[in-house]
Amino acid sequence: MPFHHNNHLKNKNAGYTAEDTLLLEGRNAVLEHLRAGGTTDKLFVAEGAEGRLGDVLSLARKQGVPVTVCDRRKLDAMSQTDSHQGIIAQAAAHAYVSLESLLQIAEERGEQPLLVVCDGIADPQNLGAIIRSAETAGAHGVIIPKRRAVGLTSAVARASAGALEHIGVHKAANLAAVLDALKEKGVWVFGAEANGAMCLYDADFVGPTAIVIGSEGAGMSRLIHEKCDFIVSIPLRGKVNSLNASNAAAVLLFEAVRRRTPRDT
């Protein structure tokens, strides 16, 4: 059975940790998945197997799939079939959508775009919670990077509590280029940071808006920070000086909802 859920796999000795990922094992299974246009987050290839897997790797790279060459023992630890043949694909639990489709959703609703951009969110619980907040706030989509971040694993889908079925997620090969594309379409980019120069309550979220949430530890990368039009902060009154990524996203999103909601005069 080459296609399976890898439920709560953890092997520290192999240097690999995953929870509820979808794995495809073996040359033919991976090749057919790629040929069918299936969504693939990453390929793991055993050292020394690249030569006989040349056609698979060529197709993967044409599709922009990240390829990690590693010790065969890592694949042995990941495998549940004992017949991985030197290659395992980590597939998405849900299909990604185009950037254009997210903007089209806003247009069809007659609303200004409201998007959430995740810069390096690695924790599936956080990403799932962000997707849930985005959907409940009526946002038009979520954007995640292709590399150095969690994809749409089953754990993310579960943490979203069903929201992933109702909101599109775009996976960007180049997050900075996506922000440039959004800005060309008139979308203002607001980055969230603890020491941001603009208070959240002064930010104009009424117009076309993309809210950038940085990674759990390092925050936004330098390049993404530079791409932001505004850096906003959330005023905190307690002794703890930060919120986690999903909580920060929820606060910013629902401030946008408040600003966009007509009030009786």
C-alpha atoms as a PDB file:
ATOM      1  CA  MET A   1       0.000   0.000   0.000  1.00  0.00           C
ATOM      2  CA  PRO A   2       2.217   2.843  -1.225  1.00  0.00           C
ATOM      3  CA  PHE A   3      -0.099   5.709  -0.213  1.00  0.00           C
ATOM      4  CA  HIS A   4      -0.861   6.103   3.454  1.00  0.00           C
ATOM      5  CA  HIS A   5      -1.329   8.405   6.401  1.00  0.00           C
ATOM      6  CA  ASN A   6       1.775   8.518   8.538  1.00  0.00           C
ATOM      7  CA  ASN A   7       0.088   8.912  11.910  1.00  0.00           C
ATOM      8  CA  HIS A   8       2.185  10.616  14.577  1.00  0.00           C
ATOM      9  CA  LEU A   9       5.536   9.422  13.264  1.00  0.00           C
ATOM     10  CA  LYS A  10       8.427  10.564  15.442  1.00  0.00           C
ATOM     11  CA  ASN A  11      11.964   9.260  15.192  1.00  0.00           C
ATOM     12  CA  LYS A  12      14.534  11.619  16.671  1.00  0.00           C
ATOM     13  CA  ASN A  13      17.412   9.360  15.708  1.00  0.00           C
ATOM     14  CA  ALA A  14      16.437   9.704  12.059  1.00  0.00           C
ATOM     15  CA  GLY A  15      16.220  13.478  12.412  1.00  0.00           C
ATOM     16  CA  TYR A  16      12.667  13.467  11.042  1.00  0.00           C
ATOM     17  CA  THR A  17       9.477  14.461  12.794  1.00  0.00           C
ATOM     18  CA  ALA A  18       6.055  14.513  11.194  1.00  0.00           C
ATOM     19  CA  GLU A  19       2.492  14.274  12.343  1.00  0.00           C
ATOM     20  CA  ASP A  20      -0.304  12.970  10.162  1.00  0.00           C
ATOM     21  CA  THR A  21       1.465  13.623   6.881  1.00  0.00           C
ATOM     22  CA  LEU A  22       0.421  11.924   3.665  1.00  0.00           C
ATOM     23  CA  LEU A  23       3.261   9.825   2.285  1.00  0.00           C
ATOM     24  CA  LEU A  24       3.734   8.169  -1.093  1.00  0.00           C
ATOM     25  CA  GLU A  25       6.412   5.503  -1.226  1.00  0.00           C
ATOM     26  CA  GLY A  26       8.222   4.000  -4.204  1.00  0.00           C
ATOM     27  CA  ARG A  27       9.183   5.160  -7.675  1.00  0.00           C
ATOM     28  CA  ASN A  28       5.954   4.310  -9.522  1.00  0.00           C
ATOM     29  CA  ALA A  29       3.619   5.709  -6.868  1.00  0.00           C
ATOM     30  CA  VAL A  30       5.517   8.994  -6.732  1.00  0.00           C
ATOM     31  CA  LEU A  31       5.859   9.271 -10.512  1.00  0.00           C
ATOM     32  CA  GLU A  32       2.148   8.692 -11.142  1.00  0.00           C
ATOM     33  CA  HIS A  33       1.237  11.203  -8.439  1.00  0.00           C
ATOM     34  CA  LEU A  34       3.416  13.838 -10.112  1.00  0.00           C
ATOM     35  CA  ARG A  35       2.116  13.003 -13.595  1.00  0.00           C
ATOM     36  CA  ALA A  36      -1.457  13.365 -12.336  1.00  0.00           C
ATOM     37  CA  GLY A  37      -0.687  16.847 -11.054  1.00  0.00           C
ATOM     38  CA  GLY A  38      -1.049  15.855  -7.422  1.00  0.00           C
ATOM     39  CA  THR A  39       0.032  18.407  -4.841  1.00  0.00           C
ATOM     40  CA  THR A  40       3.427  17.501  -3.397  1.00  0.00           C
ATOM     41  CA  ASP A  41       5.113  19.339  -0.540  1.00  0.00           C
ATOM     42  CA  LYS A  42       8.520  17.631  -0.652  1.00  0.00           C
ATOM     43  CA  LEU A  43      10.451  14.647  -1.986  1.00  0.00           C
ATOM     44  CA  PHE A  44      12.899  12.679   0.158  1.00  0.00           C
ATOM     45  CA  VAL A  45      15.485  10.753  -1.892  1.00  0.00           C
ATOM     46  CA  ALA A  46      18.119   8.366  -0.579  1.00  0.00           C
ATOM     47  CA  GLU A  47      21.745   9.221  -1.284  1.00  0.00           C
ATOM     48  CA  GLY A  48      22.985   7.269  -4.294  1.00  0.00           C
ATOM     49  CA  ALA A  49      19.488   6.728  -5.714  1.00  0.00           C
ATOM     50  CA  GLU A  50      19.393   9.923  -7.777  1.00  0.00           C
ATOM     51  CA  GLY A  51      20.639   8.253 -10.956  1.00  0.00           C
ATOM     52  CA  ARG A  52      17.907   5.643 -11.317  1.00  0.00           C
ATOM     53  CA  LEU A  53      15.261   8.145 -10.211  1.00  0.00           C
ATOM     54  CA  GLY A  54      16.286  10.780 -12.741  1.00  0.00           C
ATOM     55  CA  ASP A  55      12.917  10.950 -14.522  1.00  0.00           C
ATOM     56  CA  VAL A  56      11.036  11.354 -11.243  1.00  0.00           C
ATOM     57  CA  LEU A  57      13.392  14.055  -9.970  1.00  0.00           C
ATOM     58  CA  SER A  58      13.307  15.892 -13.299  1.00  0.00           C
ATOM     59  CA  LEU A  59       9.514  16.048 -13.239  1.00  0.00           C
ATOM     60  CA  ALA A  60       9.480  17.084  -9.583  1.00  0.00           C
ATOM     61  CA  ARG A  61      11.889  19.936 -10.214  1.00  0.00           C
ATOM     62  CA  LYS A  62       9.876  21.104 -13.238  1.00  0.00           C
ATOM     63  CA  GLN A  63       6.900  21.340 -10.907  1.00  0.00           C
ATOM     64  CA  GLY A  64       8.920  23.244  -8.316  1.00  0.00           C
ATOM     65  CA  VAL A  65       8.795  20.469  -5.714  1.00  0.00           C
ATOM     66  CA  PRO A  66      11.606  20.753  -3.122  1.00  0.00           C
ATOM     67  CA  VAL A  67      13.883  17.686  -3.168  1.00  0.00           C
ATOM     68  CA  THR A  68      15.856  16.605  -0.092  1.00  0.00           C
ATOM     69  CA  VAL A  69      18.671  14.067  -0.570  1.00  0.00           C
ATOM     70  CA  CYS A  70      19.308  12.243   2.694  1.00  0.00           C
ATOM     71  CA  ASP A  71      20.680   9.099   4.298  1.00  0.00           C
ATOM     72  CA  ARG A  72      18.673   5.979   3.393  1.00  0.00           C
ATOM     73  CA  ARG A  73      18.158   5.312   7.100  1.00  0.00           C
ATOM     74  CA  LYS A  74      15.983   8.416   7.286  1.00  0.00           C
ATOM     75  CA  LEU A  75      13.670   6.974   4.631  1.00  0.00           C
ATOM     76  CA  ASP A  76      13.695   3.611   6.415  1.00  0.00           C
ATOM     77  CA  ALA A  77      12.443   5.361   9.556  1.00  0.00           C
ATOM     78  CA  MET A  78       9.737   7.218   7.637  1.00  0.00           C
ATOM     79  CA  SER A  79       8.526   4.190   5.683  1.00  0.00           C
ATOM     80  CA  GLN A  80       5.569   2.084   6.731  1.00  0.00           C
ATOM     81  CA  THR A  81       5.758  -0.260   3.744  1.00  0.00           C
ATOM     82  CA  ASP A  82       9.455  -1.265   3.907  1.00  0.00           C
ATOM     83  CA  SER A  83       9.542  -0.813   0.115  1.00  0.00           C
ATOM     84  CA  HIS A  84      10.215   2.879  -0.422  1.00  0.00           C
ATOM     85  CA  GLN A  85      12.797   2.133  -3.169  1.00  0.00           C
ATOM     86  CA  GLY A  86      14.821   5.164  -2.135  1.00  0.00           C
ATOM     87  CA  ILE A  87      12.067   7.761  -2.593  1.00  0.00           C
ATOM     88  CA  ILE A  88       9.182   9.086  -0.481  1.00  0.00           C
ATOM     89  CA  ALA A  89       6.912  11.999  -1.384  1.00  0.00           C
ATOM     90  CA  GLN A  90       5.207  14.084   1.252  1.00  0.00           C
ATOM     91  CA  ALA A  91       1.877  15.061  -0.279  1.00  0.00           C
ATOM     92  CA  ALA A  92      -0.562  17.759   0.777  1.00  0.00           C
ATOM     93  CA  ALA A  93      -3.732  16.735   2.569  1.00  0.00           C
ATOM     94  CA  HIS A  94      -5.639  19.396   0.631  1.00  0.00           C
ATOM     95  CA  ALA A  95      -5.243  21.010  -2.785  1.00  0.00           C
ATOM     96  CA  TYR A  96      -3.703  24.467  -3.108  1.00  0.00           C
ATOM     97  CA  VAL A  97      -5.231  27.255  -5.187  1.00  0.00           C
ATOM     98  CA  SER A  98      -3.867  30.065  -7.334  1.00  0.00           C
ATOM     99  CA  LEU A  99      -3.277  33.598  -6.082  1.00  0.00           C
ATOM    100  CA  GLU A 100      -5.649  34.882  -8.758  1.00  0.00           C
ATOM    101  CA  SER A 101      -8.472  32.711  -7.418  1.00  0.00           C
ATOM    102  CA  LEU A 102      -8.154  34.291  -3.957  1.00  0.00           C
ATOM    103  CA  LEU A 103      -8.517  37.767  -5.434  1.00  0.00           C
ATOM    104  CA  GLN A 104     -11.388  36.563  -7.592  1.00  0.00           C
ATOM    105  CA  ILE A 105     -13.271  35.402  -4.493  1.00  0.00           C
ATOM    106  CA  ALA A 106     -13.074  38.935  -3.075  1.00  0.00           C
ATOM    107  CA  GLU A 107     -14.302  40.360  -6.373  1.00  0.00           C
ATOM    108  CA  GLU A 108     -17.214  37.932  -6.549  1.00  0.00           C
ATOM    109  CA  ARG A 109     -18.274  38.888  -3.024  1.00  0.00           C
ATOM    110  CA  GLY A 110     -18.014  42.582  -3.851  1.00  0.00           C
ATOM    111  CA  GLU A 111     -15.466  43.039  -1.069  1.00  0.00           C
ATOM    112  CA  GLN A 112     -11.991  44.492  -0.729  1.00  0.00           C
ATOM    113  CA  PRO A 113      -9.417  41.658  -0.529  1.00  0.00           C
ATOM    114  CA  LEU A 114      -8.465  40.463   2.944  1.00  0.00           C
ATOM    115  CA  LEU A 115      -5.624  37.921   2.911  1.00  0.00           C
ATOM    116  CA  VAL A 116      -3.357  36.347   5.512  1.00  0.00           C
ATOM    117  CA  VAL A 117       0.280  35.717   4.567  1.00  0.00           C
ATOM    118  CA  CYS A 118       2.211  33.245   6.733  1.00  0.00           C
ATOM    119  CA  ASP A 119       5.976  33.746   6.659  1.00  0.00           C
ATOM    120  CA  GLY A 120       7.575  30.511   7.848  1.00  0.00           C
ATOM    121  CA  ILE A 121       4.912  29.060  10.146  1.00  0.00           C
ATOM    122  CA  ALA A 122       6.318  25.629  11.048  1.00  0.00           C
ATOM    123  CA  ASP A 123       3.828  24.403  13.632  1.00  0.00           C
ATOM    124  CA  PRO A 124       0.783  22.628  12.136  1.00  0.00           C
ATOM    125  CA  GLN A 125      -1.400  23.626  15.080  1.00  0.00           C
ATOM    126  CA  ASN A 126      -0.581  27.283  14.542  1.00  0.00           C
ATOM    127  CA  LEU A 127      -1.189  27.145  10.802  1.00  0.00           C
ATOM    128  CA  GLY A 128      -4.477  25.303  11.308  1.00  0.00           C
ATOM    129  CA  ALA A 129      -5.586  27.878  13.879  1.00  0.00           C
ATOM    130  CA  ILE A 130      -4.642  30.741  11.537  1.00  0.00           C
ATOM    131  CA  ILE A 131      -6.671  29.162   8.731  1.00  0.00           C
ATOM    132  CA  ARG A 132      -9.610  28.781  11.122  1.00  0.00           C
ATOM    133  CA  SER A 133      -9.401  32.440  12.204  1.00  0.00           C
ATOM    134  CA  ALA A 134      -9.084  33.589   8.595  1.00  0.00           C
ATOM    135  CA  GLU A 135     -12.183  31.656   7.536  1.00  0.00           C
ATOM    136  CA  THR A 136     -14.300  32.781  10.480  1.00  0.00           C
ATOM    137  CA  ALA A 137     -13.259  36.394   9.841  1.00  0.00           C
ATOM    138  CA  GLY A 138     -14.415  36.120   6.234  1.00  0.00           C
ATOM    139  CA  ALA A 139     -10.927  36.473   4.778  1.00  0.00           C
ATOM    140  CA  HIS A 140     -10.547  35.549   1.131  1.00  0.00           C
ATOM    141  CA  GLY A 141      -7.529  33.297   1.465  1.00  0.00           C
ATOM    142  CA  VAL A 142      -4.276  32.320   3.154  1.00  0.00           C
ATOM    143  CA  ILE A 143      -0.828  32.346   1.544  1.00  0.00           C
ATOM    144  CA  ILE A 144       2.037  30.129   2.707  1.00  0.00           C
ATOM    145  CA  PRO A 145       5.591  29.675   1.368  1.00  0.00           C
ATOM    146  CA  LYS A 146       6.770  26.528  -0.380  1.00  0.00           C
ATOM    147  CA  ARG A 147       9.934  26.162   1.698  1.00  0.00           C
ATOM    148  CA  ARG A 148      10.864  26.288   5.379  1.00  0.00           C
ATOM    149  CA  ALA A 149       7.239  26.062   6.528  1.00  0.00           C
ATOM    150  CA  VAL A 150       4.562  23.460   7.179  1.00  0.00           C
ATOM    151  CA  GLY A 151       2.267  22.585   4.296  1.00  0.00           C
ATOM    152  CA  LEU A 152      -1.331  21.387   4.350  1.00  0.00           C
ATOM    153  CA  THR A 153      -0.820  18.212   6.337  1.00  0.00           C
ATOM    154  CA  SER A 154      -3.645  16.283   7.952  1.00  0.00           C
ATOM    155  CA  ALA A 155      -2.643  17.809  11.300  1.00  0.00           C
ATOM    156  CA  VAL A 156      -3.166  21.284   9.830  1.00  0.00           C
ATOM    157  CA  ALA A 157      -6.526  20.255   8.393  1.00  0.00           C
ATOM    158  CA  ARG A 158      -7.599  18.881  11.765  1.00  0.00           C
ATOM    159  CA  ALA A 159      -6.441  21.995  13.650  1.00  0.00           C
ATOM    160  CA  SER A 160      -8.449  24.162  11.269  1.00  0.00           C
ATOM    161  CA  ALA A 161     -11.622  22.461  12.594  1.00  0.00           C
ATOM    162  CA  GLY A 162     -13.139  22.189   9.126  1.00  0.00           C
ATOM    163  CA  ALA A 163     -12.209  25.693   7.989  1.00  0.00           C
ATOM    164  CA  LEU A 164      -9.825  24.341   5.346  1.00  0.00           C
ATOM    165  CA  GLU A 165     -12.843  23.097   3.405  1.00  0.00           C
ATOM    166  CA  HIS A 166     -14.134  26.662   3.064  1.00  0.00           C
ATOM    167  CA  ILE A 167     -11.101  28.838   2.394  1.00  0.00           C
ATOM    168  CA  GLY A 168      -8.387  28.663  -0.254  1.00  0.00           C
ATOM    169  CA  VAL A 169      -4.673  28.365   0.510  1.00  0.00           C
ATOM    170  CA  HIS A 170      -2.061  29.448  -2.036  1.00  0.00           C
ATOM    171  CA  LYS A 171       1.444  27.997  -1.796  1.00  0.00           C
ATOM    172  CA  ALA A 172       3.981  30.526  -3.023  1.00  0.00           C
ATOM    173  CA  ALA A 173       7.248  29.494  -4.634  1.00  0.00           C
ATOM    174  CA  ASN A 174       8.530  33.010  -3.866  1.00  0.00           C
ATOM    175  CA  LEU A 175       6.705  34.812  -1.058  1.00  0.00           C
ATOM    176  CA  ALA A 176       8.396  38.154  -1.734  1.00  0.00           C
ATOM    177  CA  ALA A 177       7.316  38.024  -5.383  1.00  0.00           C
ATOM    178  CA  VAL A 178       3.738  37.301  -4.301  1.00  0.00           C
ATOM    179  CA  LEU A 179       3.766  40.392  -2.075  1.00  0.00           C
ATOM    180  CA  ASP A 180       5.050  42.440  -5.016  1.00  0.00           C
ATOM    181  CA  ALA A 181       2.237  41.056  -7.181  1.00  0.00           C
ATOM    182  CA  LEU A 182      -0.348  41.947  -4.545  1.00  0.00           C
ATOM    183  CA  LYS A 183       1.022  45.473  -4.200  1.00  0.00           C
ATOM    184  CA  GLU A 184       0.810  45.938  -7.969  1.00  0.00           C
ATOM    185  CA  LYS A 185      -2.881  45.086  -7.676  1.00  0.00           C
ATOM    186  CA  GLY A 186      -3.377  47.765  -5.031  1.00  0.00           C
ATOM    187  CA  VAL A 187      -3.222  45.557  -1.932  1.00  0.00           C
ATOM    188  CA  TRP A 188      -1.609  47.139   1.136  1.00  0.00           C
ATOM    189  CA  VAL A 189       0.732  44.827   3.059  1.00  0.00           C
ATOM    190  CA  PHE A 190       0.691  45.020   6.873  1.00  0.00           C
ATOM    191  CA  GLY A 191       3.349  43.078   8.764  1.00  0.00           C
ATOM    192  CA  ALA A 192       2.776  42.142  12.401  1.00  0.00           C
ATOM    193  CA  GLU A 193       5.659  42.737  14.800  1.00  0.00           C
ATOM    194  CA  ALA A 194       5.897  43.393  18.535  1.00  0.00           C
ATOM    195  CA  ASN A 195       7.741  46.707  18.071  1.00  0.00           C
ATOM    196  CA  GLY A 196       5.864  47.888  14.992  1.00  0.00           C
ATOM    197  CA  ALA A 197       5.765  51.630  14.416  1.00  0.00           C
ATOM    198  CA  MET A 198       1.981  51.667  13.869  1.00  0.00           C
ATOM    199  CA  CYS A 199      -0.564  50.612  16.473  1.00  0.00           C
ATOM    200  CA  LEU A 200      -3.024  48.024  15.257  1.00  0.00           C
ATOM    201  CA  TYR A 201      -5.935  50.416  15.909  1.00  0.00           C
ATOM    202  CA  ASP A 202      -4.458  53.033  13.592  1.00  0.00           C
ATOM    203  CA  ALA A 203      -4.050  50.636  10.687  1.00  0.00           C
ATOM    204  CA  ASP A 204      -6.432  51.082   7.759  1.00  0.00           C
ATOM    205  CA  PHE A 205      -7.700  47.582   7.132  1.00  0.00           C
ATOM    206  CA  VAL A 206     -10.745  48.820   5.211  1.00  0.00           C
ATOM    207  CA  GLY A 207      -9.002  48.840   1.835  1.00  0.00           C
ATOM    208  CA  PRO A 208      -7.354  45.871   0.070  1.00  0.00           C
ATOM    209  CA  THR A 209      -5.312  44.242   2.838  1.00  0.00           C
ATOM    210  CA  ALA A 210      -2.752  41.490   3.289  1.00  0.00           C
ATOM    211  CA  ILE A 211      -1.726  40.742   6.884  1.00  0.00           C
ATOM    212  CA  VAL A 212       1.690  39.093   7.279  1.00  0.00           C
ATOM    213  CA  ILE A 213       2.301  36.822  10.274  1.00  0.00           C
ATOM    214  CA  GLY A 214       5.909  35.804  10.936  1.00  0.00           C
ATOM    215  CA  SER A 215       7.263  32.506  12.212  1.00  0.00           C
ATOM    216  CA  GLU A 216       6.844  31.398  15.810  1.00  0.00           C
ATOM    217  CA  GLY A 217      10.429  32.112  16.806  1.00  0.00           C
ATOM    218  CA  ALA A 218      12.140  34.474  14.391  1.00  0.00           C
ATOM    219  CA  GLY A 219       9.148  36.474  13.195  1.00  0.00           C
ATOM    220  CA  MET A 220       9.173  37.865   9.676  1.00  0.00           C
ATOM    221  CA  SER A 221      12.248  37.349   7.531  1.00  0.00           C
ATOM    222  CA  ARG A 222      14.248  40.431   6.616  1.00  0.00           C
ATOM    223  CA  LEU A 223      13.137  40.447   2.981  1.00  0.00           C
ATOM    224  CA  ILE A 224       9.451  40.030   3.819  1.00  0.00           C
ATOM    225  CA  HIS A 225       9.745  42.762   6.445  1.00  0.00           C
ATOM    226  CA  GLU A 226      11.131  45.089   3.781  1.00  0.00           C
ATOM    227  CA  LYS A 227       8.227  44.279   1.445  1.00  0.00           C
ATOM    228  CA  CYS A 228       5.628  45.416   3.994  1.00  0.00           C
ATOM    229  CA  ASP A 229       4.015  48.825   3.561  1.00  0.00           C
ATOM    230  CA  PHE A 230       3.345  49.103   7.308  1.00  0.00           C
ATOM    231  CA  ILE A 231       4.591  47.300  10.416  1.00  0.00           C
ATOM    232  CA  VAL A 232       1.860  47.119  13.031  1.00  0.00           C
ATOM    233  CA  SER A 233       1.947  46.105  16.667  1.00  0.00           C
ATOM    234  CA  ILE A 234      -0.696  44.805  19.050  1.00  0.00           C
ATOM    235  CA  PRO A 235      -0.854  46.725  22.348  1.00  0.00           C
ATOM    236  CA  LEU A 236      -0.296  44.337  25.258  1.00  0.00           C
ATOM    237  CA  ARG A 237      -1.131  45.110  28.871  1.00  0.00           C
ATOM    238  CA  GLY A 238       0.110  42.028  30.699  1.00  0.00           C
ATOM    239  CA  LYS A 239       3.532  40.892  31.829  1.00  0.00           C
ATOM    240  CA  VAL A 240       4.002  38.489  28.893  1.00  0.00           C
ATOM    241  CA  ASN A 241       5.282  40.561  25.987  1.00  0.00           C
ATOM    242  CA  SER A 242       4.087  38.544  23.016  1.00  0.00           C
ATOM    243  CA  LEU A 243       1.269  36.500  21.503  1.00  0.00           C
ATOM    244  CA  ASN A 244       1.776  33.334  19.527  1.00  0.00           C
ATOM    245  CA  ALA A 245       1.357  33.507  15.772  1.00  0.00           C
ATOM    246  CA  SER A 246      -2.209  32.219  15.595  1.00  0.00           C
ATOM    247  CA  ASN A 247      -3.443  34.494  18.386  1.00  0.00           C
ATOM    248  CA  ALA A 248      -1.831  37.516  16.748  1.00  0.00           C
ATOM    249  CA  ALA A 249      -3.468  36.628  13.446  1.00  0.00           C
ATOM    250  CA  ALA A 250      -6.885  36.388  15.100  1.00  0.00           C
ATOM    251  CA  VAL A 251      -6.525  39.786  16.789  1.00  0.00           C
ATOM    252  CA  LEU A 252      -5.493  41.490  13.544  1.00  0.00           C
ATOM    253  CA  LEU A 253      -8.160  39.764  11.464  1.00  0.00           C
ATOM    254  CA  PHE A 254     -11.002  40.690  13.759  1.00  0.00           C
ATOM    255  CA  GLU A 255      -9.826  44.269  13.986  1.00  0.00           C
ATOM    256  CA  ALA A 256     -10.149  44.241  10.198  1.00  0.00           C
ATOM    257  CA  VAL A 257     -13.651  42.788  10.584  1.00  0.00           C
ATOM    258  CA  ARG A 258     -14.568  45.535  13.061  1.00  0.00           C
ATOM    259  CA  ARG A 259     -13.299  48.243  10.717  1.00  0.00           C
ATOM    260  CA  ARG A 260     -15.148  46.761   7.745  1.00  0.00           C
ATOM    261  CA  THR A 261     -18.462  46.202   9.523  1.00  0.00           C
ATOM    262  CA  PRO A 262     -21.013  49.006   8.919  1.00  0.00           C
ATOM    263  CA  ARG A 263     -22.416  50.474  12.125  1.00  0.00           C
ATOM    264  CA  ASP A 264     -25.730  52.185  12.633  1.00  0.00           C
ATOM    265  CA  THR A 265     -25.398  55.971  13.032  1.00  0.00           C
END
